Amino acid sequence: MDDEEGSLVSIHPASVIKQTEEQLGLLTGDLEVEGEYQASVDVADGQINILLARFTSIDPPFELAENIQASFVDLTQARDLAQVELELLRKAYELIMGG
C-alpha cells in the first residue's frame, strides 16, 4: 500500500497460480483459482491475502506431494492445525459446500 496516495496494489491470481504450478512442477492448467474465496491474515507487517486453488484433475498428485514432503489430509486430521489455519479451512469448506 502506498501510504501517501492510499492505493492498494494487488497481484492478479492467475500470476500466483502460474508461479505455484511452476514451483511445484505442475503443468500449466493443473490448478485453478476459486475466485469467490476471499480471506486475509493479519501479520506483523500488515495483511496477507489468501487465495484458494483447486486441482483441475480428479486425482490429487499424491506422488508430487510426497516428493516435496507434503501430504493431503482428511478434514478430521486437520484438527490440530493452528487456529488461523482452521479458520481459513472453514471458510473454504463453507464456500465449496455452499454453507
PDB file of N, CA and C in Angstrom:
ATOM      1  N   MET A   1       0.841  -1.177   0.000  1.00  0.00           N
ATOM      2  CA  MET A   1       0.000   0.000   0.000  1.00  0.00           C
ATOM      3  C   MET A   1       0.883   1.237   0.000  1.00  0.00           C
ATOM      4  N   ASP A   2       0.548   2.184  -0.776  1.00  0.00           N
ATOM      5  CA  ASP A   2       1.249   3.458  -0.836  1.00  0.00           C
ATOM      6  C   ASP A   2       0.553   4.392   0.149  1.00  0.00           C
ATOM      7  N   ASP A   3       1.207   4.677   1.282  1.00  0.00           N
ATOM      8  CA  ASP A   3       0.576   5.459   2.343  1.00  0.00           C
ATOM      9  C   ASP A   3       0.181   6.861   1.892  1.00  0.00           C
ATOM     10  N   GLU A   4       0.972   7.478   1.005  1.00  0.00           N
ATOM     11  CA  GLU A   4       0.676   8.835   0.591  1.00  0.00           C
ATOM     12  C   GLU A   4      -0.572   8.909  -0.271  1.00  0.00           C
ATOM     13  N   GLU A   5      -0.760   7.961  -1.136  1.00  0.00           N
ATOM     14  CA  GLU A   5      -1.897   8.008  -2.046  1.00  0.00           C
ATOM     15  C   GLU A   5      -3.058   7.150  -1.578  1.00  0.00           C
ATOM     16  N   GLY A   6      -2.826   6.224  -0.649  1.00  0.00           N
ATOM     17  CA  GLY A   6      -3.876   5.356  -0.151  1.00  0.00           C
ATOM     18  C   GLY A   6      -4.332   4.306  -1.142  1.00  0.00           C
ATOM     19  N   SER A   7      -3.512   3.974  -2.136  1.00  0.00           N
ATOM     20  CA  SER A   7      -3.915   2.989  -3.134  1.00  0.00           C
ATOM     21  C   SER A   7      -3.395   1.614  -2.765  1.00  0.00           C
ATOM     22  N   LEU A   8      -4.134   0.621  -3.147  1.00  0.00           N
ATOM     23  CA  LEU A   8      -3.733  -0.758  -2.924  1.00  0.00           C
ATOM     24  C   LEU A   8      -3.266  -1.367  -4.231  1.00  0.00           C
ATOM     25  N   VAL A   9      -2.195  -2.112  -4.160  1.00  0.00           N
ATOM     26  CA  VAL A   9      -1.719  -2.844  -5.323  1.00  0.00           C
ATOM     27  C   VAL A   9      -1.871  -4.315  -4.999  1.00  0.00           C
ATOM     28  N   SER A  10      -2.536  -5.033  -5.868  1.00  0.00           N
ATOM     29  CA  SER A  10      -2.688  -6.462  -5.629  1.00  0.00           C
ATOM     30  C   SER A  10      -2.196  -7.240  -6.851  1.00  0.00           C
ATOM     31  N   ILE A  11      -1.787  -8.440  -6.585  1.00  0.00           N
ATOM     32  CA  ILE A  11      -1.281  -9.319  -7.631  1.00  0.00           C
ATOM     33  C   ILE A  11      -2.448 -10.112  -8.196  1.00  0.00           C
ATOM     34  N   HIS A  12      -2.507 -10.233  -9.507  1.00  0.00           N
ATOM     35  CA  HIS A  12      -3.584 -10.986 -10.137  1.00  0.00           C
ATOM     36  C   HIS A  12      -3.436 -12.467  -9.778  1.00  0.00           C
ATOM     37  N   PRO A  13      -4.532 -13.121  -9.396  1.00  0.00           N
ATOM     38  CA  PRO A  13      -4.465 -14.534  -9.008  1.00  0.00           C
ATOM     39  C   PRO A  13      -3.856 -15.443 -10.071  1.00  0.00           C
ATOM     40  N   ALA A  14      -4.051 -15.147 -11.349  1.00  0.00           N
ATOM     41  CA  ALA A  14      -3.506 -16.004 -12.411  1.00  0.00           C
ATOM     42  C   ALA A  14      -1.989 -16.068 -12.350  1.00  0.00           C
ATOM     43  N   SER A  15      -1.348 -14.964 -12.000  1.00  0.00           N
ATOM     44  CA  SER A  15       0.116 -14.984 -11.917  1.00  0.00           C
ATOM     45  C   SER A  15       0.586 -15.799 -10.719  1.00  0.00           C
ATOM     46  N   VAL A  16      -0.167 -15.756  -9.637  1.00  0.00           N
ATOM     47  CA  VAL A  16       0.179 -16.554  -8.454  1.00  0.00           C
ATOM     48  C   VAL A  16       0.007 -18.042  -8.762  1.00  0.00           C
ATOM     49  N   ILE A  17      -1.080 -18.391  -9.437  1.00  0.00           N
ATOM     50  CA  ILE A  17      -1.335 -19.786  -9.805  1.00  0.00           C
ATOM     51  C   ILE A  17      -0.236 -20.293 -10.732  1.00  0.00           C
ATOM     52  N   LYS A  18       0.139 -19.502 -11.721  1.00  0.00           N
ATOM     53  CA  LYS A  18       1.196 -19.903 -12.657  1.00  0.00           C
ATOM     54  C   LYS A  18       2.514 -20.130 -11.922  1.00  0.00           C
ATOM     55  N   GLN A  19       2.865 -19.220 -11.035  1.00  0.00           N
ATOM     56  CA  GLN A  19       4.101 -19.356 -10.264  1.00  0.00           C
ATOM     57  C   GLN A  19       4.048 -20.591  -9.362  1.00  0.00           C
ATOM     58  N   THR A  20       2.913 -20.846  -8.757  1.00  0.00           N
ATOM     59  CA  THR A  20       2.755 -22.018  -7.888  1.00  0.00           C
ATOM     60  C   THR A  20       2.887 -23.305  -8.686  1.00  0.00           C
ATOM     61  N   GLU A  21       2.255 -23.354  -9.851  1.00  0.00           N
ATOM     62  CA  GLU A  21       2.384 -24.538 -10.717  1.00  0.00           C
ATOM     63  C   GLU A  21       3.850 -24.788 -11.064  1.00  0.00           C
ATOM     64  N   GLU A  22       4.571 -23.735 -11.416  1.00  0.00           N
ATOM     65  CA  GLU A  22       5.987 -23.873 -11.776  1.00  0.00           C
ATOM     66  C   GLU A  22       6.805 -24.364 -10.590  1.00  0.00           C
ATOM     67  N   GLN A  23       6.594 -23.774  -9.417  1.00  0.00           N
ATOM     68  CA  GLN A  23       7.351 -24.159  -8.221  1.00  0.00           C
ATOM     69  C   GLN A  23       7.091 -25.609  -7.822  1.00  0.00           C
ATOM     70  N   LEU A  24       5.877 -26.072  -8.031  1.00  0.00           N
ATOM     71  CA  LEU A  24       5.523 -27.439  -7.641  1.00  0.00           C
ATOM     72  C   LEU A  24       5.783 -28.471  -8.736  1.00  0.00           C
ATOM     73  N   GLY A  25       6.160 -27.998  -9.914  1.00  0.00           N
ATOM     74  CA  GLY A  25       6.398 -28.922 -11.015  1.00  0.00           C
ATOM     75  C   GLY A  25       5.115 -29.415 -11.661  1.00  0.00           C
ATOM     76  N   LEU A  26       4.064 -28.643 -11.554  1.00  0.00           N
ATOM     77  CA  LEU A  26       2.785 -28.992 -12.180  1.00  0.00           C
ATOM     78  C   LEU A  26       2.741 -28.440 -13.594  1.00  0.00           C
ATOM     79  N   LEU A  27       1.856 -28.966 -14.391  1.00  0.00           N
ATOM     80  CA  LEU A  27       1.642 -28.451 -15.735  1.00  0.00           C
ATOM     81  C   LEU A  27       0.751 -27.212 -15.680  1.00  0.00           C
ATOM     82  N   THR A  28       0.892 -26.345 -16.658  1.00  0.00           N
ATOM     83  CA  THR A  28       0.010 -25.185 -16.753  1.00  0.00           C
ATOM     84  C   THR A  28      -1.428 -25.678 -16.861  1.00  0.00           C
ATOM     85  N   GLY A  29      -2.294 -25.136 -16.033  1.00  0.00           N
ATOM     86  CA  GLY A  29      -3.695 -25.544 -16.032  1.00  0.00           C
ATOM     87  C   GLY A  29      -4.026 -26.606 -15.000  1.00  0.00           C
ATOM     88  N   ASP A  30      -3.027 -27.119 -14.275  1.00  0.00           N
ATOM     89  CA  ASP A  30      -3.294 -28.124 -13.243  1.00  0.00           C
ATOM     90  C   ASP A  30      -4.005 -27.530 -12.028  1.00  0.00           C
ATOM     91  N   LEU A  31      -3.874 -26.207 -11.858  1.00  0.00           N
ATOM     92  CA  LEU A  31      -4.546 -25.517 -10.761  1.00  0.00           C
ATOM     93  C   LEU A  31      -5.455 -24.434 -11.334  1.00  0.00           C
ATOM     94  N   GLU A  32      -6.538 -24.179 -10.632  1.00  0.00           N
ATOM     95  CA  GLU A  32      -7.372 -23.033 -10.981  1.00  0.00           C
ATOM     96  C   GLU A  32      -7.778 -22.333  -9.693  1.00  0.00           C
ATOM     97  N   VAL A  33      -7.863 -21.022  -9.763  1.00  0.00           N
ATOM     98  CA  VAL A  33      -8.195 -20.229  -8.594  1.00  0.00           C
ATOM     99  C   VAL A  33      -9.704 -20.229  -8.374  1.00  0.00           C
ATOM    100  N   GLU A  34     -10.113 -20.241  -7.125  1.00  0.00           N
ATOM    101  CA  GLU A  34     -11.523 -20.125  -6.758  1.00  0.00           C
ATOM    102  C   GLU A  34     -11.767 -18.650  -6.488  1.00  0.00           C
ATOM    103  N   GLY A  35     -12.307 -17.960  -7.462  1.00  0.00           N
ATOM    104  CA  GLY A  35     -12.440 -16.516  -7.412  1.00  0.00           C
ATOM    105  C   GLY A  35     -13.338 -15.974  -6.315  1.00  0.00           C
ATOM    106  N   GLU A  36     -14.264 -16.771  -5.832  1.00  0.00           N
ATOM    107  CA  GLU A  36     -15.188 -16.292  -4.803  1.00  0.00           C
ATOM    108  C   GLU A  36     -14.597 -16.325  -3.400  1.00  0.00           C
ATOM    109  N   TYR A  37     -13.479 -17.008  -3.233  1.00  0.00           N
ATOM    110  CA  TYR A  37     -12.862 -17.133  -1.907  1.00  0.00           C
ATOM    111  C   TYR A  37     -12.098 -15.860  -1.588  1.00  0.00           C
ATOM    112  N   GLN A  38     -12.436 -15.222  -0.482  1.00  0.00           N
ATOM    113  CA  GLN A  38     -11.740 -14.026  -0.047  1.00  0.00           C
ATOM    114  C   GLN A  38     -11.370 -14.174   1.411  1.00  0.00           C
ATOM    115  N   ALA A  39     -10.068 -14.131   1.672  1.00  0.00           N
ATOM    116  CA  ALA A  39      -9.594 -14.222   3.051  1.00  0.00           C
ATOM    117  C   ALA A  39      -8.269 -13.494   3.149  1.00  0.00           C
ATOM    118  N   SER A  40      -7.976 -13.029   4.342  1.00  0.00           N
ATOM    119  CA  SER A  40      -6.684 -12.420   4.610  1.00  0.00           C
ATOM    120  C   SER A  40      -6.297 -12.733   6.039  1.00  0.00           C
ATOM    121  N   VAL A  41      -5.008 -12.659   6.289  1.00  0.00           N
ATOM    122  CA  VAL A  41      -4.464 -12.957   7.609  1.00  0.00           C
ATOM    123  C   VAL A  41      -3.624 -11.759   8.042  1.00  0.00           C
ATOM    124  N   ASP A  42      -3.835 -11.305   9.258  1.00  0.00           N
ATOM    125  CA  ASP A  42      -3.023 -10.231   9.811  1.00  0.00           C
ATOM    126  C   ASP A  42      -1.678 -10.780  10.252  1.00  0.00           C
ATOM    127  N   VAL A  43      -0.622 -10.109   9.827  1.00  0.00           N
ATOM    128  CA  VAL A  43       0.742 -10.446  10.240  1.00  0.00           C
ATOM    129  C   VAL A  43       1.408  -9.164  10.724  1.00  0.00           C
ATOM    130  N   ALA A  44       2.616  -9.283  11.245  1.00  0.00           N
ATOM    131  CA  ALA A  44       3.316  -8.122  11.812  1.00  0.00           C
ATOM    132  C   ALA A  44       3.435  -6.962  10.829  1.00  0.00           C
ATOM    133  N   ASP A  45       3.643  -7.266   9.544  1.00  0.00           N
ATOM    134  CA  ASP A  45       3.851  -6.215   8.542  1.00  0.00           C
ATOM    135  C   ASP A  45       2.574  -5.765   7.849  1.00  0.00           C
ATOM    136  N   GLY A  46       1.439  -6.268   8.247  1.00  0.00           N
ATOM    137  CA  GLY A  46       0.179  -5.893   7.599  1.00  0.00           C
ATOM    138  C   GLY A  46      -0.725  -7.095   7.405  1.00  0.00           C
ATOM    139  N   GLN A  47      -1.233  -7.256   6.200  1.00  0.00           N
ATOM    140  CA  GLN A  47      -2.125  -8.362   5.884  1.00  0.00           C
ATOM    141  C   GLN A  47      -1.589  -9.148   4.695  1.00  0.00           C
ATOM    142  N   ILE A  48      -1.873 -10.444   4.723  1.00  0.00           N
ATOM    143  CA  ILE A  48      -1.556 -11.317   3.598  1.00  0.00           C
ATOM    144  C   ILE A  48      -2.885 -11.793   3.030  1.00  0.00           C
ATOM    145  N   ASN A  49      -3.085 -11.588   1.734  1.00  0.00           N
ATOM    146  CA  ASN A  49      -4.290 -12.093   1.075  1.00  0.00           C
ATOM    147  C   ASN A  49      -4.098 -13.566   0.771  1.00  0.00           C
ATOM    148  N   ILE A  50      -5.130 -14.344   1.016  1.00  0.00           N
ATOM    149  CA  ILE A  50      -5.090 -15.789   0.823  1.00  0.00           C
ATOM    150  C   ILE A  50      -5.933 -16.146  -0.394  1.00  0.00           C
ATOM    151  N   LEU A  51      -5.369 -16.966  -1.277  1.00  0.00           N
ATOM    152  CA  LEU A  51      -6.095 -17.473  -2.438  1.00  0.00           C
ATOM    153  C   LEU A  51      -6.438 -18.940  -2.205  1.00  0.00           C
ATOM    154  N   LEU A  52      -7.514 -19.374  -2.799  1.00  0.00           N
ATOM    155  CA  LEU A  52      -7.893 -20.780  -2.768  1.00  0.00           C
ATOM    156  C   LEU A  52      -7.782 -21.305  -4.184  1.00  0.00           C
ATOM    157  N   ALA A  53      -7.028 -22.377  -4.348  1.00  0.00           N
ATOM    158  CA  ALA A  53      -6.871 -23.004  -5.659  1.00  0.00           C
ATOM    159  C   ALA A  53      -7.288 -24.453  -5.549  1.00  0.00           C
ATOM    160  N   ARG A  54      -7.712 -24.982  -6.667  1.00  0.00           N
ATOM    161  CA  ARG A  54      -8.087 -26.405  -6.695  1.00  0.00           C
ATOM    162  C   ARG A  54      -7.373 -27.077  -7.854  1.00  0.00           C
ATOM    163  N   PHE A  55      -7.159 -28.372  -7.702  1.00  0.00           N
ATOM    164  CA  PHE A  55      -6.604 -29.163  -8.794  1.00  0.00           C
ATOM    165  C   PHE A  55      -7.686 -29.379  -9.831  1.00  0.00           C
ATOM    166  N   THR A  56      -7.318 -29.295 -11.093  1.00  0.00           N
ATOM    167  CA  THR A  56      -8.298 -29.492 -12.157  1.00  0.00           C
ATOM    168  C   THR A  56      -8.511 -30.968 -12.452  1.00  0.00           C
ATOM    169  N   SER A  57      -7.595 -31.809 -12.020  1.00  0.00           N
ATOM    170  CA  SER A  57      -7.717 -33.256 -12.194  1.00  0.00           C
ATOM    171  C   SER A  57      -8.498 -33.836 -11.021  1.00  0.00           C
ATOM    172  N   ILE A  58      -9.185 -34.922 -11.265  1.00  0.00           N
ATOM    173  CA  ILE A  58      -9.928 -35.572 -10.182  1.00  0.00           C
ATOM    174  C   ILE A  58      -8.988 -36.255  -9.183  1.00  0.00           C
ATOM    175  N   ASP A  59      -7.791 -36.619  -9.640  1.00  0.00           N
ATOM    176  CA  ASP A  59      -6.830 -37.305  -8.779  1.00  0.00           C
ATOM    177  C   ASP A  59      -5.752 -36.343  -8.291  1.00  0.00           C
ATOM    178  N   PRO A  60      -5.689 -36.101  -6.973  1.00  0.00           N
ATOM    179  CA  PRO A  60      -4.633 -35.235  -6.449  1.00  0.00           C
ATOM    180  C   PRO A  60      -3.252 -35.850  -6.734  1.00  0.00           C
ATOM    181  N   PRO A  61      -2.239 -35.019  -6.876  1.00  0.00           N
ATOM    182  CA  PRO A  61      -0.884 -35.527  -7.168  1.00  0.00           C
ATOM    183  C   PRO A  61      -0.179 -36.011  -5.886  1.00  0.00           C
ATOM    184  N   PHE A  62      -0.558 -37.202  -5.438  1.00  0.00           N
ATOM    185  CA  PHE A  62      -0.008 -37.741  -4.199  1.00  0.00           C
ATOM    186  C   PHE A  62       1.514 -37.888  -4.262  1.00  0.00           C
ATOM    187  N   GLU A  63       2.030 -38.360  -5.388  1.00  0.00           N
ATOM    188  CA  GLU A  63       3.468 -38.555  -5.522  1.00  0.00           C
ATOM    189  C   GLU A  63       4.211 -37.226  -5.456  1.00  0.00           C
ATOM    190  N   LEU A  64       3.691 -36.222  -6.116  1.00  0.00           N
ATOM    191  CA  LEU A  64       4.298 -34.895  -6.061  1.00  0.00           C
ATOM    192  C   LEU A  64       4.338 -34.391  -4.622  1.00  0.00           C
ATOM    193  N   ALA A  65       3.242 -34.526  -3.907  1.00  0.00           N
ATOM    194  CA  ALA A  65       3.190 -34.084  -2.508  1.00  0.00           C
ATOM    195  C   ALA A  65       4.257 -34.801  -1.684  1.00  0.00           C
ATOM    196  N   GLU A  66       4.377 -36.082  -1.874  1.00  0.00           N
ATOM    197  CA  GLU A  66       5.380 -36.859  -1.145  1.00  0.00           C
ATOM    198  C   GLU A  66       6.790 -36.363  -1.463  1.00  0.00           C
ATOM    199  N   ASN A  67       7.046 -36.042  -2.732  1.00  0.00           N
ATOM    200  CA  ASN A  67       8.369 -35.570  -3.152  1.00  0.00           C
ATOM    201  C   ASN A  67       8.756 -34.243  -2.506  1.00  0.00           C
ATOM    202  N   ILE A  68       7.786 -33.421  -2.140  1.00  0.00           N
ATOM    203  CA  ILE A  68       8.103 -32.137  -1.509  1.00  0.00           C
ATOM    204  C   ILE A  68       7.786 -32.155  -0.012  1.00  0.00           C
ATOM    205  N   GLN A  69       7.728 -33.351   0.568  1.00  0.00           N
ATOM    206  CA  GLN A  69       7.469 -33.562   1.991  1.00  0.00           C
ATOM    207  C   GLN A  69       6.146 -32.932   2.440  1.00  0.00           C
ATOM    208  N   ALA A  70       5.138 -33.077   1.595  1.00  0.00           N
ATOM    209  CA  ALA A  70       3.797 -32.598   1.906  1.00  0.00           C
ATOM    210  C   ALA A  70       2.848 -33.790   1.874  1.00  0.00           C
ATOM    211  N   SER A  71       1.637 -33.581   2.298  1.00  0.00           N
ATOM    212  CA  SER A  71       0.647 -34.652   2.231  1.00  0.00           C
ATOM    213  C   SER A  71      -0.749 -34.053   2.183  1.00  0.00           C
ATOM    214  N   PHE A  72      -1.668 -34.850   1.714  1.00  0.00           N
ATOM    215  CA  PHE A  72      -3.077 -34.494   1.732  1.00  0.00           C
ATOM    216  C   PHE A  72      -3.677 -35.133   2.971  1.00  0.00           C
ATOM    217  N   VAL A  73      -4.567 -34.413   3.664  1.00  0.00           N
ATOM    218  CA  VAL A  73      -5.170 -34.942   4.882  1.00  0.00           C
ATOM    219  C   VAL A  73      -6.683 -34.820   4.805  1.00  0.00           C
ATOM    220  N   ASP A  74      -7.360 -35.688   5.531  1.00  0.00           N
ATOM    221  CA  ASP A  74      -8.807 -35.590   5.686  1.00  0.00           C
ATOM    222  C   ASP A  74      -9.113 -34.422   6.611  1.00  0.00           C
ATOM    223  N   LEU A  75     -10.316 -33.900   6.513  1.00  0.00           N
ATOM    224  CA  LEU A  75     -10.706 -32.798   7.398  1.00  0.00           C
ATOM    225  C   LEU A  75     -10.535 -33.157   8.873  1.00  0.00           C
ATOM    226  N   THR A  76     -10.856 -34.385   9.223  1.00  0.00           N
ATOM    227  CA  THR A  76     -10.743 -34.782  10.630  1.00  0.00           C
ATOM    228  C   THR A  76      -9.287 -34.783  11.098  1.00  0.00           C
ATOM    229  N   GLN A  77      -8.353 -34.936  10.185  1.00  0.00           N
ATOM    230  CA  GLN A  77      -6.939 -34.919  10.546  1.00  0.00           C
ATOM    231  C   GLN A  77      -6.415 -33.491  10.707  1.00  0.00           C
ATOM    232  N   ALA A  78      -7.205 -32.501  10.337  1.00  0.00           N
ATOM    233  CA  ALA A  78      -6.774 -31.108  10.395  1.00  0.00           C
ATOM    234  C   ALA A  78      -7.051 -30.467  11.756  1.00  0.00           C
ATOM    235  N   ARG A  79      -7.630 -31.194  12.661  1.00  0.00           N
ATOM    236  CA  ARG A  79      -7.995 -30.637  13.973  1.00  0.00           C
ATOM    237  C   ARG A  79      -6.848 -29.960  14.700  1.00  0.00           C
ATOM    238  N   ASP A  80      -5.649 -30.452  14.510  1.00  0.00           N
ATOM    239  CA  ASP A  80      -4.500 -29.948  15.259  1.00  0.00           C
ATOM    240  C   ASP A  80      -3.799 -28.772  14.585  1.00  0.00           C
ATOM    241  N   LEU A  81      -4.358 -28.272  13.495  1.00  0.00           N
ATOM    242  CA  LEU A  81      -3.769 -27.112  12.839  1.00  0.00           C
ATOM    243  C   LEU A  81      -3.921 -25.876  13.719  1.00  0.00           C
ATOM    244  N   ALA A  82      -3.134 -24.859  13.424  1.00  0.00           N
ATOM    245  CA  ALA A  82      -3.248 -23.588  14.149  1.00  0.00           C
ATOM    246  C   ALA A  82      -4.633 -22.995  13.914  1.00  0.00           C
ATOM    247  N   GLN A  83      -5.101 -22.189  14.854  1.00  0.00           N
ATOM    248  CA  GLN A  83      -6.442 -21.613  14.778  1.00  0.00           C
ATOM    249  C   GLN A  83      -6.666 -20.832  13.480  1.00  0.00           C
ATOM    250  N   VAL A  84      -5.683 -20.079  13.047  1.00  0.00           N
ATOM    251  CA  VAL A  84      -5.831 -19.300  11.818  1.00  0.00           C
ATOM    252  C   VAL A  84      -5.991 -20.224  10.612  1.00  0.00           C
ATOM    253  N   GLU A  85      -5.281 -21.341  10.599  1.00  0.00           N
ATOM    254  CA  GLU A  85      -5.411 -22.297   9.500  1.00  0.00           C
ATOM    255  C   GLU A  85      -6.782 -22.959   9.524  1.00  0.00           C
ATOM    256  N   LEU A  86      -7.280 -23.262  10.707  1.00  0.00           N
ATOM    257  CA  LEU A  86      -8.619 -23.847  10.821  1.00  0.00           C
ATOM    258  C   LEU A  86      -9.689 -22.879  10.325  1.00  0.00           C
ATOM    259  N   GLU A  87      -9.519 -21.594  10.600  1.00  0.00           N
ATOM    260  CA  GLU A  87     -10.478 -20.595  10.140  1.00  0.00           C
ATOM    261  C   GLU A  87     -10.463 -20.489   8.617  1.00  0.00           C
ATOM    262  N   LEU A  88      -9.272 -20.511   8.014  1.00  0.00           N
ATOM    263  CA  LEU A  88      -9.173 -20.482   6.554  1.00  0.00           C
ATOM    264  C   LEU A  88      -9.798 -21.728   5.945  1.00  0.00           C
ATOM    265  N   LEU A  89      -9.562 -22.860   6.559  1.00  0.00           N
ATOM    266  CA  LEU A  89     -10.144 -24.122   6.094  1.00  0.00           C
ATOM    267  C   LEU A  89     -11.667 -24.089   6.207  1.00  0.00           C
ATOM    268  N   ARG A  90     -12.167 -23.535   7.300  1.00  0.00           N
ATOM    269  CA  ARG A  90     -13.623 -23.430   7.492  1.00  0.00           C
ATOM    270  C   ARG A  90     -14.244 -22.577   6.386  1.00  0.00           C
ATOM    271  N   LYS A  91     -13.612 -21.449   6.083  1.00  0.00           N
ATOM    272  CA  LYS A  91     -14.132 -20.570   5.029  1.00  0.00           C
ATOM    273  C   LYS A  91     -14.138 -21.279   3.677  1.00  0.00           C
ATOM    274  N   ALA A  92     -13.086 -22.033   3.393  1.00  0.00           N
ATOM    275  CA  ALA A  92     -13.012 -22.774   2.128  1.00  0.00           C
ATOM    276  C   ALA A  92     -14.101 -23.848   2.086  1.00  0.00           C
ATOM    277  N   TYR A  93     -14.270 -24.558   3.182  1.00  0.00           N
ATOM    278  CA  TYR A  93     -15.279 -25.615   3.261  1.00  0.00           C
ATOM    279  C   TYR A  93     -16.680 -25.041   3.037  1.00  0.00           C
ATOM    280  N   GLU A  94     -16.974 -23.918   3.678  1.00  0.00           N
ATOM    281  CA  GLU A  94     -18.297 -23.305   3.518  1.00  0.00           C
ATOM    282  C   GLU A  94     -18.535 -22.863   2.077  1.00  0.00           C
ATOM    283  N   LEU A  95     -17.524 -22.338   1.442  1.00  0.00           N
ATOM    284  CA  LEU A  95     -17.672 -21.912   0.048  1.00  0.00           C
ATOM    285  C   LEU A  95     -17.943 -23.117  -0.848  1.00  0.00           C
ATOM    286  N   ILE A  96     -17.145 -24.146  -0.689  1.00  0.00           N
ATOM    287  CA  ILE A  96     -17.252 -25.323  -1.549  1.00  0.00           C
ATOM    288  C   ILE A  96     -18.563 -26.076  -1.305  1.00  0.00           C
ATOM    289  N   MET A  97     -18.964 -26.184  -0.047  1.00  0.00           N
ATOM    290  CA  MET A  97     -20.164 -26.943   0.285  1.00  0.00           C
ATOM    291  C   MET A  97     -21.427 -26.076   0.210  1.00  0.00           C
ATOM    292  N   GLY A  98     -21.258 -24.785  -0.038  1.00  0.00           N
ATOM    293  CA  GLY A  98     -22.418 -23.920  -0.165  1.00  0.00           C
ATOM    294  C   GLY A  98     -23.035 -23.488   1.140  1.00  0.00           C
ATOM    295  N   GLY A  99     -22.242 -23.484   2.211  1.00  0.00           N
ATOM    296  CA  GLY A  99     -22.787 -23.141   3.515  1.00  0.00           C
ATOM    297  C   GLY A  99     -22.546 -21.761   3.871  1.00  0.00           C
TER     298      GLY A  99
END
